[in-house]
Amino acid sequence: MKIGIMSDSHDHLDNIKKAVELFKREGVEYVVHCGDFVAPFTLPILSQLGVPFLGVFGNNDGERLLLRERAREFGEIKVQPAFLELAGKKLVVMHEPTLQTPLARSGEFDVVLVGHTHKAEIIEDKCLIINPGETCGWLTGKATVAILDLETLIARLIEL
């Protein structure tokens, strides 16, 4: 099972569309957003994914009630941390990476997904830690997402 991972889209509609198109082309079966959607008007684009969706709120997501309501049409947005099990793997999804290392080393999870730093990276600790970077590209000049194969636990970062 392949999952698409994105974070920090910060209202960049063009890059959100590119991410949705990429995830469709790659045949992902689930999409996770690690926070900082920012405005609810971004969600109609994400609703076109056509696969289950889970997001967590980030520090810049101020209109949480409307974000949550609009997401209900195609998935859900939760307060971090969010926990899920897919393809027999346990994942935790957060925006801020404050607890990424303790959670990764706890032995409870196969994958820790984080955002917030806008720094795309894949770290192999006791489990896999993935920060897909920023979908928006505002801070680094690089718009990135990640795709993870849950069967092999191989992840790759992809520039949009």
N, C-alpha and C. Protein backbone atom coordinates (compact mmCIF):
# COMPACT_ATOMS: atom_id res chain seq x y z
N MET A 1 0.84 -1.18 0.00
CA MET A 1 0.00 0.00 0.00
C MET A 1 0.88 1.24 0.00
N LYS A 2 0.61 2.13 -0.94
CA LYS A 2 1.35 3.40 -1.01
C LYS A 2 0.51 4.52 -0.42
N ILE A 3 1.17 5.36 0.40
CA ILE A 3 0.47 6.53 0.93
C ILE A 3 1.21 7.80 0.51
N GLY A 4 0.43 8.84 0.26
CA GLY A 4 0.98 10.15 -0.05
C GLY A 4 1.04 10.97 1.23
N ILE A 5 2.13 11.70 1.40
CA ILE A 5 2.33 12.50 2.61
C ILE A 5 2.67 13.92 2.19
N MET A 6 1.95 14.87 2.78
CA MET A 6 2.20 16.27 2.49
C MET A 6 2.09 17.06 3.77
N SER A 7 2.59 18.28 3.75
CA SER A 7 2.52 19.14 4.92
C SER A 7 2.72 20.58 4.49
N ASP A 8 2.33 21.49 5.35
CA ASP A 8 2.62 22.90 5.18
C ASP A 8 2.29 23.40 3.77
N SER A 9 1.03 23.20 3.40
CA SER A 9 0.59 23.66 2.08
C SER A 9 0.30 25.16 2.07
N HIS A 10 0.01 25.75 3.20
CA HIS A 10 -0.10 27.21 3.36
C HIS A 10 -0.81 27.91 2.20
N ASP A 11 -1.97 27.39 1.83
CA ASP A 11 -2.84 28.02 0.82
C ASP A 11 -2.26 28.07 -0.59
N HIS A 12 -1.20 27.36 -0.88
CA HIS A 12 -0.63 27.40 -2.24
C HIS A 12 -1.44 26.47 -3.14
N LEU A 13 -2.50 27.02 -3.73
CA LEU A 13 -3.44 26.22 -4.49
C LEU A 13 -2.81 25.47 -5.66
N ASP A 14 -1.92 26.11 -6.39
CA ASP A 14 -1.28 25.44 -7.53
C ASP A 14 -0.49 24.21 -7.09
N ASN A 15 0.26 24.34 -6.01
CA ASN A 15 1.06 23.20 -5.55
C ASN A 15 0.21 22.11 -4.92
N ILE A 16 -0.89 22.50 -4.30
CA ILE A 16 -1.82 21.48 -3.78
C ILE A 16 -2.38 20.68 -4.94
N LYS A 17 -2.73 21.35 -6.03
CA LYS A 17 -3.22 20.65 -7.23
C LYS A 17 -2.15 19.72 -7.78
N LYS A 18 -0.91 20.19 -7.82
CA LYS A 18 0.19 19.34 -8.31
C LYS A 18 0.35 18.11 -7.43
N ALA A 19 0.23 18.29 -6.12
CA ALA A 19 0.36 17.15 -5.21
C ALA A 19 -0.76 16.14 -5.44
N VAL A 20 -1.99 16.64 -5.59
CA VAL A 20 -3.13 15.75 -5.84
C VAL A 20 -2.92 14.97 -7.14
N GLU A 21 -2.49 15.66 -8.19
CA GLU A 21 -2.25 15.00 -9.48
C GLU A 21 -1.14 13.95 -9.36
N LEU A 22 -0.06 14.29 -8.64
CA LEU A 22 1.04 13.34 -8.45
C LEU A 22 0.57 12.11 -7.70
N PHE A 23 -0.18 12.31 -6.62
CA PHE A 23 -0.66 11.17 -5.83
C PHE A 23 -1.57 10.27 -6.66
N LYS A 24 -2.38 10.85 -7.52
CA LYS A 24 -3.24 10.05 -8.40
C LYS A 24 -2.40 9.26 -9.40
N ARG A 25 -1.42 9.93 -10.02
CA ARG A 25 -0.55 9.24 -11.00
C ARG A 25 0.21 8.09 -10.35
N GLU A 26 0.65 8.30 -9.12
CA GLU A 26 1.45 7.29 -8.42
C GLU A 26 0.60 6.17 -7.81
N GLY A 27 -0.71 6.33 -7.86
CA GLY A 27 -1.61 5.29 -7.36
C GLY A 27 -1.63 5.15 -5.84
N VAL A 28 -1.46 6.28 -5.13
CA VAL A 28 -1.51 6.18 -3.67
C VAL A 28 -2.93 5.81 -3.24
N GLU A 29 -3.01 5.10 -2.13
CA GLU A 29 -4.31 4.61 -1.65
C GLU A 29 -4.78 5.34 -0.40
N TYR A 30 -3.96 6.24 0.11
CA TYR A 30 -4.29 6.99 1.32
C TYR A 30 -3.41 8.23 1.31
N VAL A 31 -3.93 9.37 1.82
CA VAL A 31 -3.14 10.58 1.88
C VAL A 31 -3.19 11.14 3.29
N VAL A 32 -2.02 11.57 3.77
CA VAL A 32 -1.89 12.18 5.09
C VAL A 32 -1.33 13.59 4.90
N HIS A 33 -1.94 14.55 5.61
CA HIS A 33 -1.45 15.94 5.61
C HIS A 33 -1.02 16.26 7.03
N CYS A 34 0.23 16.65 7.21
CA CYS A 34 0.81 16.89 8.54
C CYS A 34 0.61 18.32 9.05
N GLY A 35 -0.39 19.00 8.57
CA GLY A 35 -0.77 20.28 9.16
C GLY A 35 -0.32 21.52 8.41
N ASP A 36 -0.94 22.63 8.78
CA ASP A 36 -0.80 23.94 8.16
C ASP A 36 -1.39 23.97 6.76
N PHE A 37 -2.68 23.63 6.71
CA PHE A 37 -3.48 23.86 5.50
C PHE A 37 -3.61 25.38 5.34
N VAL A 38 -3.96 26.03 6.42
CA VAL A 38 -4.22 27.44 6.66
C VAL A 38 -5.69 27.77 6.44
N ALA A 39 -6.19 27.85 5.23
CA ALA A 39 -7.57 28.26 5.00
C ALA A 39 -8.43 27.12 4.46
N PRO A 40 -9.71 27.12 4.83
CA PRO A 40 -10.62 26.07 4.36
C PRO A 40 -10.80 26.02 2.84
N PHE A 41 -10.52 27.12 2.13
CA PHE A 41 -10.72 27.09 0.68
C PHE A 41 -9.76 26.16 -0.04
N THR A 42 -8.78 25.61 0.65
CA THR A 42 -7.86 24.65 0.03
C THR A 42 -8.46 23.24 -0.04
N LEU A 43 -9.46 22.98 0.78
CA LEU A 43 -9.97 21.61 0.89
C LEU A 43 -10.72 21.09 -0.32
N PRO A 44 -11.42 21.91 -1.10
CA PRO A 44 -12.05 21.35 -2.30
C PRO A 44 -11.04 20.69 -3.25
N ILE A 45 -9.83 21.21 -3.30
CA ILE A 45 -8.81 20.58 -4.14
C ILE A 45 -8.44 19.21 -3.56
N LEU A 46 -8.22 19.16 -2.25
CA LEU A 46 -7.87 17.88 -1.62
C LEU A 46 -9.02 16.87 -1.71
N SER A 47 -10.25 17.35 -1.81
CA SER A 47 -11.39 16.43 -1.91
C SER A 47 -11.36 15.64 -3.22
N GLN A 48 -10.54 16.07 -4.18
CA GLN A 48 -10.44 15.40 -5.47
C GLN A 48 -9.48 14.21 -5.44
N LEU A 49 -8.88 13.94 -4.29
CA LEU A 49 -7.94 12.83 -4.19
C LEU A 49 -8.57 11.48 -4.54
N GLY A 50 -9.80 11.27 -4.10
CA GLY A 50 -10.48 10.02 -4.40
C GLY A 50 -10.02 8.85 -3.55
N VAL A 51 -9.26 9.13 -2.48
CA VAL A 51 -8.81 8.08 -1.56
C VAL A 51 -9.01 8.59 -0.13
N PRO A 52 -8.99 7.71 0.87
CA PRO A 52 -9.13 8.17 2.25
C PRO A 52 -8.06 9.20 2.60
N PHE A 53 -8.43 10.13 3.49
CA PHE A 53 -7.58 11.26 3.84
C PHE A 53 -7.63 11.50 5.34
N LEU A 54 -6.44 11.77 5.90
CA LEU A 54 -6.33 12.17 7.30
C LEU A 54 -5.35 13.32 7.39
N GLY A 55 -5.74 14.35 8.11
CA GLY A 55 -4.84 15.47 8.37
C GLY A 55 -4.84 15.79 9.85
N VAL A 56 -3.83 16.54 10.27
CA VAL A 56 -3.79 17.07 11.64
C VAL A 56 -3.67 18.58 11.53
N PHE A 57 -4.16 19.26 12.55
CA PHE A 57 -4.05 20.71 12.58
C PHE A 57 -2.62 21.13 12.86
N GLY A 58 -2.19 22.19 12.19
CA GLY A 58 -0.89 22.80 12.44
C GLY A 58 -1.06 24.11 13.19
N ASN A 59 0.04 24.73 13.51
CA ASN A 59 0.01 25.97 14.28
C ASN A 59 -0.57 27.15 13.52
N ASN A 60 -0.66 27.08 12.20
CA ASN A 60 -1.23 28.17 11.41
C ASN A 60 -2.67 27.93 10.98
N ASP A 61 -3.25 26.84 11.44
CA ASP A 61 -4.63 26.53 11.09
C ASP A 61 -5.58 27.17 12.09
N GLY A 62 -6.04 28.38 11.77
CA GLY A 62 -6.86 29.13 12.70
C GLY A 62 -8.34 28.83 12.60
N GLU A 63 -8.83 28.52 11.44
CA GLU A 63 -10.26 28.28 11.22
C GLU A 63 -10.56 26.79 11.34
N ARG A 64 -10.28 26.25 12.51
CA ARG A 64 -10.36 24.80 12.70
C ARG A 64 -11.75 24.22 12.52
N LEU A 65 -12.78 24.90 12.98
CA LEU A 65 -14.13 24.36 12.84
C LEU A 65 -14.52 24.19 11.38
N LEU A 66 -14.26 25.20 10.57
CA LEU A 66 -14.62 25.10 9.15
C LEU A 66 -13.70 24.12 8.41
N LEU A 67 -12.42 24.10 8.76
CA LEU A 67 -11.52 23.11 8.16
C LEU A 67 -12.04 21.69 8.43
N ARG A 68 -12.38 21.42 9.68
CA ARG A 68 -12.86 20.09 10.06
C ARG A 68 -14.17 19.76 9.34
N GLU A 69 -15.08 20.75 9.27
CA GLU A 69 -16.38 20.53 8.63
C GLU A 69 -16.21 20.24 7.14
N ARG A 70 -15.38 21.02 6.45
CA ARG A 70 -15.17 20.81 5.01
C ARG A 70 -14.46 19.49 4.72
N ALA A 71 -13.58 19.09 5.61
CA ALA A 71 -12.85 17.83 5.41
C ALA A 71 -13.75 16.61 5.58
N ARG A 72 -14.81 16.74 6.34
CA ARG A 72 -15.71 15.59 6.58
C ARG A 72 -16.29 15.03 5.30
N GLU A 73 -16.33 15.83 4.25
CA GLU A 73 -16.87 15.37 2.97
C GLU A 73 -16.01 14.27 2.34
N PHE A 74 -14.73 14.21 2.71
CA PHE A 74 -13.83 13.24 2.07
C PHE A 74 -12.82 12.61 3.02
N GLY A 75 -12.77 13.04 4.27
CA GLY A 75 -11.81 12.50 5.23
C GLY A 75 -11.99 13.16 6.57
N GLU A 76 -10.88 13.36 7.27
CA GLU A 76 -10.97 14.04 8.56
C GLU A 76 -9.67 14.75 8.90
N ILE A 77 -9.83 15.77 9.74
CA ILE A 77 -8.68 16.49 10.29
C ILE A 77 -8.80 16.41 11.80
N LYS A 78 -7.72 15.99 12.45
CA LYS A 78 -7.72 15.79 13.89
C LYS A 78 -6.70 16.70 14.57
N VAL A 79 -6.85 16.83 15.87
CA VAL A 79 -5.83 17.47 16.69
C VAL A 79 -4.69 16.47 16.81
N GLN A 80 -3.46 16.97 16.73
CA GLN A 80 -2.30 16.07 16.84
C GLN A 80 -2.10 15.59 18.28
N PRO A 81 -1.52 14.46 18.48
CA PRO A 81 -1.13 13.47 17.48
C PRO A 81 -2.33 12.64 17.05
N ALA A 82 -2.30 12.18 15.81
CA ALA A 82 -3.33 11.28 15.30
C ALA A 82 -2.67 9.93 15.07
N PHE A 83 -3.39 8.89 15.37
CA PHE A 83 -2.86 7.53 15.26
C PHE A 83 -3.67 6.77 14.22
N LEU A 84 -2.99 5.98 13.41
CA LEU A 84 -3.70 5.13 12.47
C LEU A 84 -2.91 3.87 12.20
N GLU A 85 -3.64 2.88 11.76
CA GLU A 85 -3.02 1.62 11.38
C GLU A 85 -3.43 1.33 9.94
N LEU A 86 -2.43 1.15 9.09
CA LEU A 86 -2.65 0.87 7.68
C LEU A 86 -1.73 -0.27 7.27
N ALA A 87 -2.26 -1.21 6.53
CA ALA A 87 -1.47 -2.33 6.01
C ALA A 87 -0.64 -2.99 7.11
N GLY A 88 -1.21 -3.07 8.31
CA GLY A 88 -0.52 -3.72 9.42
C GLY A 88 0.58 -2.89 10.06
N LYS A 89 0.71 -1.64 9.66
CA LYS A 89 1.73 -0.74 10.22
C LYS A 89 1.06 0.31 11.09
N LYS A 90 1.73 0.66 12.19
CA LYS A 90 1.23 1.69 13.10
C LYS A 90 1.93 3.00 12.80
N LEU A 91 1.11 4.04 12.58
CA LEU A 91 1.64 5.36 12.25
C LEU A 91 1.13 6.39 13.26
N VAL A 92 1.94 7.40 13.51
CA VAL A 92 1.52 8.55 14.29
C VAL A 92 1.79 9.78 13.43
N VAL A 93 0.82 10.71 13.42
CA VAL A 93 0.90 11.90 12.58
C VAL A 93 0.87 13.13 13.49
N MET A 94 1.86 14.01 13.30
CA MET A 94 1.94 15.24 14.09
C MET A 94 2.32 16.39 13.18
N HIS A 95 2.11 17.59 13.68
CA HIS A 95 2.62 18.76 12.97
C HIS A 95 3.99 19.12 13.55
N GLU A 96 4.02 19.53 14.80
CA GLU A 96 5.29 19.89 15.43
C GLU A 96 6.10 18.63 15.74
N PRO A 97 7.39 18.66 15.47
CA PRO A 97 8.22 17.46 15.66
C PRO A 97 8.78 17.28 17.08
N THR A 98 8.27 18.02 18.03
CA THR A 98 8.82 18.00 19.39
C THR A 98 8.97 16.58 19.94
N LEU A 99 7.98 15.74 19.70
CA LEU A 99 8.01 14.38 20.25
C LEU A 99 8.39 13.32 19.23
N GLN A 100 8.90 13.72 18.08
CA GLN A 100 9.17 12.73 17.04
C GLN A 100 10.18 11.68 17.48
N THR A 101 11.26 12.08 18.13
CA THR A 101 12.29 11.11 18.53
C THR A 101 11.80 10.18 19.63
N PRO A 102 11.21 10.70 20.72
CA PRO A 102 10.70 9.76 21.74
C PRO A 102 9.65 8.80 21.19
N LEU A 103 8.76 9.28 20.32
CA LEU A 103 7.76 8.39 19.74
C LEU A 103 8.41 7.35 18.83
N ALA A 104 9.39 7.79 18.05
CA ALA A 104 10.09 6.86 17.15
C ALA A 104 10.82 5.77 17.94
N ARG A 105 11.37 6.15 19.07
CA ARG A 105 12.15 5.19 19.87
C ARG A 105 11.31 4.39 20.86
N SER A 106 10.02 4.69 20.93
CA SER A 106 9.15 4.01 21.90
C SER A 106 8.91 2.54 21.56
N GLY A 107 9.10 2.18 20.30
CA GLY A 107 8.82 0.81 19.90
C GLY A 107 7.35 0.58 19.57
N GLU A 108 6.54 1.61 19.68
CA GLU A 108 5.10 1.49 19.45
C GLU A 108 4.70 1.72 17.99
N PHE A 109 5.57 2.37 17.23
CA PHE A 109 5.19 2.79 15.89
C PHE A 109 6.19 2.32 14.84
N ASP A 110 5.67 2.13 13.65
CA ASP A 110 6.52 1.81 12.50
C ASP A 110 6.93 3.08 11.77
N VAL A 111 6.06 4.10 11.82
CA VAL A 111 6.30 5.33 11.09
C VAL A 111 5.81 6.53 11.90
N VAL A 112 6.63 7.58 11.95
CA VAL A 112 6.25 8.86 12.54
C VAL A 112 6.26 9.88 11.40
N LEU A 113 5.13 10.57 11.22
CA LEU A 113 5.00 11.58 10.17
C LEU A 113 4.89 12.95 10.82
N VAL A 114 5.71 13.89 10.38
CA VAL A 114 5.74 15.23 10.98
C VAL A 114 5.84 16.29 9.89
N GLY A 115 5.60 17.53 10.28
CA GLY A 115 5.73 18.67 9.38
C GLY A 115 6.40 19.81 10.11
N HIS A 116 5.89 21.02 9.92
CA HIS A 116 6.23 22.22 10.66
C HIS A 116 7.57 22.86 10.29
N THR A 117 8.63 22.09 10.15
CA THR A 117 9.96 22.66 9.93
C THR A 117 10.19 23.08 8.48
N HIS A 118 9.36 22.60 7.59
CA HIS A 118 9.49 22.84 6.14
C HIS A 118 10.74 22.17 5.57
N LYS A 119 11.37 21.32 6.35
CA LYS A 119 12.59 20.63 5.91
C LYS A 119 12.26 19.18 5.54
N ALA A 120 12.38 18.87 4.28
CA ALA A 120 12.09 17.52 3.80
C ALA A 120 13.20 16.57 4.25
N GLU A 121 12.81 15.51 4.95
CA GLU A 121 13.82 14.54 5.37
C GLU A 121 13.18 13.21 5.72
N ILE A 122 13.98 12.18 5.56
CA ILE A 122 13.62 10.82 5.95
C ILE A 122 14.70 10.36 6.90
N ILE A 123 14.31 9.98 8.11
CA ILE A 123 15.25 9.55 9.13
C ILE A 123 14.91 8.12 9.53
N GLU A 124 15.92 7.27 9.55
CA GLU A 124 15.72 5.91 10.03
C GLU A 124 16.26 5.83 11.44
N ASP A 125 15.35 5.68 12.39
CA ASP A 125 15.70 5.52 13.80
C ASP A 125 15.21 4.12 14.17
N LYS A 126 14.61 3.95 15.31
CA LYS A 126 13.99 2.66 15.61
C LYS A 126 12.78 2.45 14.72
N CYS A 127 12.28 3.53 14.16
CA CYS A 127 11.24 3.45 13.15
C CYS A 127 11.54 4.54 12.12
N LEU A 128 10.71 4.64 11.11
CA LEU A 128 10.91 5.60 10.05
C LEU A 128 10.27 6.93 10.44
N ILE A 129 11.01 8.02 10.33
CA ILE A 129 10.49 9.37 10.56
C ILE A 129 10.51 10.09 9.21
N ILE A 130 9.34 10.61 8.83
CA ILE A 130 9.25 11.28 7.53
C ILE A 130 8.67 12.68 7.73
N ASN A 131 9.41 13.66 7.24
CA ASN A 131 8.89 15.02 7.11
C ASN A 131 8.88 15.29 5.61
N PRO A 132 7.69 15.44 5.01
CA PRO A 132 7.63 15.62 3.56
C PRO A 132 8.09 17.00 3.09
N GLY A 133 8.44 17.88 4.04
CA GLY A 133 8.84 19.23 3.66
C GLY A 133 7.62 20.10 3.47
N GLU A 134 7.74 21.10 2.65
CA GLU A 134 6.64 22.04 2.44
C GLU A 134 6.03 21.88 1.06
N THR A 135 4.74 21.67 1.03
CA THR A 135 4.04 21.61 -0.25
C THR A 135 4.01 22.99 -0.89
N CYS A 136 3.99 24.04 -0.07
CA CYS A 136 3.87 25.40 -0.60
C CYS A 136 5.14 25.89 -1.30
N GLY A 137 6.31 25.54 -0.77
CA GLY A 137 7.55 26.03 -1.35
C GLY A 137 7.90 27.45 -0.97
N TRP A 138 7.13 28.06 -0.08
CA TRP A 138 7.35 29.47 0.27
C TRP A 138 8.69 29.71 0.96
N LEU A 139 9.07 28.87 1.91
CA LEU A 139 10.28 29.14 2.70
C LEU A 139 11.57 28.65 2.05
N THR A 140 11.53 27.46 1.50
CA THR A 140 12.75 26.85 0.99
C THR A 140 12.94 27.04 -0.51
N GLY A 141 11.84 27.41 -1.18
CA GLY A 141 11.91 27.48 -2.64
C GLY A 141 11.72 26.14 -3.30
N LYS A 142 11.52 25.08 -2.50
CA LYS A 142 11.28 23.74 -3.03
C LYS A 142 9.95 23.22 -2.47
N ALA A 143 9.04 22.92 -3.37
CA ALA A 143 7.77 22.32 -2.98
C ALA A 143 7.94 20.81 -3.04
N THR A 144 7.72 20.13 -1.91
CA THR A 144 7.96 18.69 -1.85
C THR A 144 6.81 17.96 -1.15
N VAL A 145 6.69 16.69 -1.47
CA VAL A 145 5.80 15.75 -0.81
C VAL A 145 6.57 14.45 -0.68
N ALA A 146 5.96 13.46 -0.05
CA ALA A 146 6.60 12.16 0.06
C ALA A 146 5.60 11.07 -0.29
N ILE A 147 6.13 9.95 -0.73
CA ILE A 147 5.33 8.75 -0.94
C ILE A 147 6.01 7.62 -0.19
N LEU A 148 5.22 6.88 0.56
CA LEU A 148 5.72 5.78 1.37
C LEU A 148 5.04 4.49 0.95
N ASP A 149 5.84 3.48 0.68
CA ASP A 149 5.33 2.13 0.45
C ASP A 149 5.30 1.44 1.80
N LEU A 150 4.13 1.17 2.31
CA LEU A 150 4.01 0.59 3.66
C LEU A 150 4.47 -0.86 3.73
N GLU A 151 4.49 -1.56 2.62
CA GLU A 151 4.92 -2.96 2.65
C GLU A 151 6.44 -3.05 2.79
N THR A 152 7.16 -2.17 2.13
CA THR A 152 8.63 -2.21 2.17
C THR A 152 9.21 -1.19 3.14
N LEU A 153 8.37 -0.24 3.58
CA LEU A 153 8.81 0.90 4.39
C LEU A 153 9.90 1.72 3.69
N ILE A 154 9.77 1.82 2.38
CA ILE A 154 10.65 2.67 1.60
C ILE A 154 9.90 3.94 1.24
N ALA A 155 10.49 5.07 1.59
CA ALA A 155 9.89 6.37 1.33
C ALA A 155 10.76 7.16 0.37
N ARG A 156 10.12 8.01 -0.39
CA ARG A 156 10.87 8.89 -1.27
C ARG A 156 10.28 10.29 -1.23
N LEU A 157 11.15 11.27 -1.29
CA LEU A 157 10.75 12.66 -1.35
C LEU A 157 10.67 13.06 -2.83
N ILE A 158 9.64 13.82 -3.17
CA ILE A 158 9.42 14.19 -4.56
C ILE A 158 9.20 15.70 -4.64
N GLU A 159 9.95 16.34 -5.51
CA GLU A 159 9.77 17.78 -5.72
C GLU A 159 8.64 17.98 -6.74
N LEU A 160 7.74 18.89 -6.43
CA LEU A 160 6.59 19.15 -7.32
C LEU A 160 7.01 20.04 -8.49
